[in-house]
N, C-alpha and C. Protein backbone atom coordinates (compact mmCIF):
# COMPACT_ATOMS: atom_id res chain seq x y z
N MET A 1 59.44 109.67 116.65
CA MET A 1 58.71 108.92 115.64
C MET A 1 57.81 109.86 114.84
N ARG A 2 57.25 110.82 115.50
CA ARG A 2 56.37 111.76 114.82
C ARG A 2 57.15 112.60 113.80
N ASP A 3 58.39 112.97 114.16
CA ASP A 3 59.23 113.73 113.23
C ASP A 3 59.56 112.92 111.98
N LEU A 4 59.79 111.64 112.17
CA LEU A 4 60.07 110.77 111.04
C LEU A 4 58.87 110.71 110.10
N LEU A 5 57.69 110.56 110.64
CA LEU A 5 56.49 110.52 109.80
C LEU A 5 56.24 111.85 109.10
N ASN A 6 56.48 112.97 109.80
CA ASN A 6 56.34 114.28 109.17
C ASN A 6 57.34 114.45 108.03
N GLY A 7 58.58 114.00 108.25
CA GLY A 7 59.59 114.08 107.20
C GLY A 7 59.23 113.23 106.00
N LEU A 8 58.73 112.03 106.27
CA LEU A 8 58.31 111.14 105.19
C LEU A 8 57.15 111.73 104.41
N HIS A 9 56.20 112.31 105.11
CA HIS A 9 55.06 112.94 104.45
C HIS A 9 55.52 114.11 103.58
N HIS A 10 56.44 114.89 104.09
CA HIS A 10 56.97 116.03 103.32
C HIS A 10 57.72 115.54 102.08
N ALA A 11 58.50 114.46 102.21
CA ALA A 11 59.24 113.92 101.08
C ALA A 11 58.29 113.41 99.99
N VAL A 12 57.22 112.74 100.39
CA VAL A 12 56.24 112.24 99.41
C VAL A 12 55.56 113.40 98.70
N ARG A 13 55.24 114.46 99.42
CA ARG A 13 54.62 115.63 98.79
C ARG A 13 55.57 116.26 97.77
N GLN A 14 56.85 116.35 98.10
CA GLN A 14 57.82 116.93 97.17
C GLN A 14 57.97 116.05 95.93
N LEU A 15 57.97 114.74 96.12
CA LEU A 15 58.09 113.83 94.98
C LEU A 15 56.87 113.92 94.07
N LYS A 16 55.69 114.13 94.65
CA LYS A 16 54.47 114.27 93.84
C LYS A 16 54.49 115.57 93.04
N LYS A 17 55.14 116.61 93.59
CA LYS A 17 55.20 117.89 92.88
C LYS A 17 56.00 117.76 91.59
N SER A 18 57.11 117.07 91.64
CA SER A 18 57.96 116.92 90.45
C SER A 18 57.91 115.47 89.99
N LEU A 19 56.79 115.08 89.43
CA LEU A 19 56.55 113.70 89.02
C LEU A 19 57.49 113.26 87.90
N GLY A 20 57.80 114.15 86.98
CA GLY A 20 58.70 113.80 85.88
C GLY A 20 60.09 113.47 86.37
N LEU A 21 60.62 114.30 87.25
CA LEU A 21 61.95 114.06 87.80
C LEU A 21 61.96 112.77 88.63
N THR A 22 60.91 112.56 89.40
CA THR A 22 60.81 111.34 90.20
C THR A 22 60.81 110.11 89.32
N THR A 23 60.09 110.14 88.23
CA THR A 23 60.04 109.02 87.30
C THR A 23 61.41 108.75 86.69
N ILE A 24 62.10 109.81 86.27
CA ILE A 24 63.43 109.66 85.67
C ILE A 24 64.41 109.07 86.68
N VAL A 25 64.35 109.54 87.91
CA VAL A 25 65.26 109.04 88.94
C VAL A 25 64.98 107.56 89.22
N ILE A 26 63.72 107.17 89.32
CA ILE A 26 63.38 105.77 89.59
C ILE A 26 63.82 104.87 88.44
N ILE A 27 63.61 105.30 87.20
CA ILE A 27 64.03 104.51 86.04
C ILE A 27 65.55 104.40 86.00
N THR A 28 66.25 105.50 86.27
CA THR A 28 67.71 105.47 86.28
C THR A 28 68.24 104.53 87.35
N LEU A 29 67.67 104.58 88.54
CA LEU A 29 68.09 103.67 89.60
C LEU A 29 67.82 102.21 89.23
N ALA A 30 66.68 101.95 88.64
CA ALA A 30 66.34 100.58 88.25
C ALA A 30 67.32 100.05 87.20
N LEU A 31 67.64 100.88 86.20
CA LEU A 31 68.60 100.46 85.17
C LEU A 31 70.00 100.26 85.75
N ALA A 32 70.42 101.14 86.65
CA ALA A 32 71.74 101.02 87.26
C ALA A 32 71.84 99.76 88.11
N ILE A 33 70.81 99.47 88.88
CA ILE A 33 70.83 98.27 89.72
C ILE A 33 70.82 97.02 88.85
N GLY A 34 70.04 97.03 87.78
CA GLY A 34 70.00 95.89 86.86
C GLY A 34 71.33 95.67 86.16
N ALA A 35 71.96 96.75 85.70
CA ALA A 35 73.27 96.63 85.04
C ALA A 35 74.33 96.14 86.02
N ASN A 36 74.31 96.66 87.23
CA ASN A 36 75.27 96.24 88.24
C ASN A 36 75.11 94.75 88.56
N THR A 37 73.88 94.30 88.71
CA THR A 37 73.63 92.89 88.98
C THR A 37 74.11 92.01 87.83
N THR A 38 73.86 92.45 86.61
CA THR A 38 74.30 91.69 85.43
C THR A 38 75.81 91.58 85.38
N ILE A 39 76.50 92.68 85.59
CA ILE A 39 77.97 92.67 85.52
C ILE A 39 78.54 91.78 86.60
N PHE A 40 78.04 91.88 87.82
CA PHE A 40 78.57 91.04 88.89
C PHE A 40 78.24 89.57 88.66
N SER A 41 77.12 89.27 88.06
CA SER A 41 76.79 87.87 87.74
C SER A 41 77.75 87.31 86.70
N ILE A 42 78.07 88.11 85.70
CA ILE A 42 79.01 87.67 84.67
C ILE A 42 80.40 87.48 85.25
N VAL A 43 80.86 88.42 86.06
CA VAL A 43 82.18 88.31 86.69
C VAL A 43 82.23 87.08 87.58
N ASP A 44 81.18 86.83 88.33
CA ASP A 44 81.14 85.66 89.19
C ASP A 44 81.21 84.37 88.38
N ALA A 45 80.45 84.30 87.31
CA ALA A 45 80.41 83.08 86.51
C ALA A 45 81.71 82.85 85.74
N VAL A 46 82.34 83.92 85.26
CA VAL A 46 83.51 83.76 84.40
C VAL A 46 84.82 83.75 85.18
N MET A 47 84.95 84.61 86.17
CA MET A 47 86.25 84.78 86.81
C MET A 47 86.37 84.17 88.20
N LEU A 48 85.31 84.11 88.96
CA LEU A 48 85.44 83.72 90.36
C LEU A 48 85.21 82.23 90.60
N ARG A 49 84.40 81.61 89.81
CA ARG A 49 84.13 80.18 90.01
C ARG A 49 85.20 79.35 89.29
N PRO A 50 85.60 78.23 89.89
CA PRO A 50 86.61 77.39 89.23
C PRO A 50 86.04 76.73 87.98
N LEU A 51 86.92 76.34 87.09
CA LEU A 51 86.50 75.67 85.86
C LEU A 51 85.93 74.29 86.20
N PRO A 52 84.90 73.86 85.47
CA PRO A 52 84.32 72.53 85.74
C PRO A 52 85.20 71.44 85.13
N SER A 53 86.34 71.21 85.73
CA SER A 53 87.30 70.23 85.23
C SER A 53 87.54 69.17 86.30
N ALA A 54 87.70 67.92 85.86
CA ALA A 54 87.92 66.83 86.81
C ALA A 54 89.29 66.95 87.48
N GLN A 55 90.30 67.38 86.72
CA GLN A 55 91.65 67.52 87.26
C GLN A 55 92.21 68.90 86.86
N PRO A 56 91.84 69.95 87.58
CA PRO A 56 92.26 71.29 87.19
C PRO A 56 93.77 71.52 87.27
N GLN A 57 94.49 70.70 88.04
CA GLN A 57 95.94 70.87 88.13
C GLN A 57 96.64 70.48 86.83
N GLN A 58 95.94 69.79 85.94
CA GLN A 58 96.55 69.38 84.67
C GLN A 58 96.24 70.34 83.53
N LEU A 59 95.54 71.44 83.79
CA LEU A 59 95.27 72.43 82.75
C LEU A 59 96.53 73.23 82.47
N VAL A 60 96.76 73.54 81.22
CA VAL A 60 97.94 74.32 80.83
C VAL A 60 97.50 75.45 79.90
N GLU A 61 98.36 76.44 79.79
CA GLU A 61 98.12 77.54 78.87
C GLU A 61 99.24 77.52 77.83
N VAL A 62 98.87 77.55 76.57
CA VAL A 62 99.85 77.50 75.49
C VAL A 62 99.88 78.88 74.85
N GLU A 63 101.09 79.42 74.69
CA GLU A 63 101.28 80.71 74.04
C GLU A 63 102.39 80.60 73.02
N ARG A 64 102.33 81.47 72.04
CA ARG A 64 103.43 81.53 71.09
C ARG A 64 103.95 82.96 71.06
N THR A 65 105.21 83.11 70.79
CA THR A 65 105.80 84.45 70.72
C THR A 65 106.37 84.66 69.34
N ASN A 66 106.22 85.87 68.87
CA ASN A 66 106.82 86.28 67.60
C ASN A 66 108.06 87.10 67.91
N ARG A 67 109.03 87.04 67.08
CA ARG A 67 110.29 87.75 67.34
C ARG A 67 110.11 89.26 67.32
N GLY A 68 109.22 89.77 66.49
CA GLY A 68 109.04 91.22 66.38
C GLY A 68 108.08 91.80 67.42
N ILE A 69 107.28 90.95 68.04
CA ILE A 69 106.28 91.42 69.00
C ILE A 69 106.73 91.01 70.41
N ALA A 70 106.72 91.98 71.32
CA ALA A 70 107.21 91.72 72.67
C ALA A 70 106.24 90.89 73.49
N GLU A 71 104.94 91.03 73.26
CA GLU A 71 103.95 90.33 74.07
C GLU A 71 103.60 88.99 73.44
N PRO A 72 103.41 87.96 74.28
CA PRO A 72 103.00 86.65 73.72
C PRO A 72 101.58 86.66 73.20
N THR A 73 101.31 85.81 72.24
CA THR A 73 99.99 85.69 71.64
C THR A 73 99.36 84.38 72.13
N ALA A 74 98.12 84.46 72.63
CA ALA A 74 97.45 83.26 73.12
C ALA A 74 97.02 82.38 71.96
N VAL A 75 97.07 81.10 72.16
CA VAL A 75 96.68 80.11 71.18
C VAL A 75 95.42 79.41 71.67
N ALA A 76 94.42 79.31 70.83
CA ALA A 76 93.16 78.66 71.25
C ALA A 76 93.35 77.16 71.29
């Protein structure tokens, strides 16, 4: 336990020495965690949750194809 406290004390002293780098690292981590949370929230809301439909088995997808284009085009 004493070694852990000594290591922690040493780490805090090193972080205080390079305050600018510490600040940049903390800001970068905060932005990365925020962006990651946002992306996963959007993916969860858009792709993982079922559509709020009373009868989802009756939903259909309509596409049209052009003779010159190999891929179908979605129709809204």
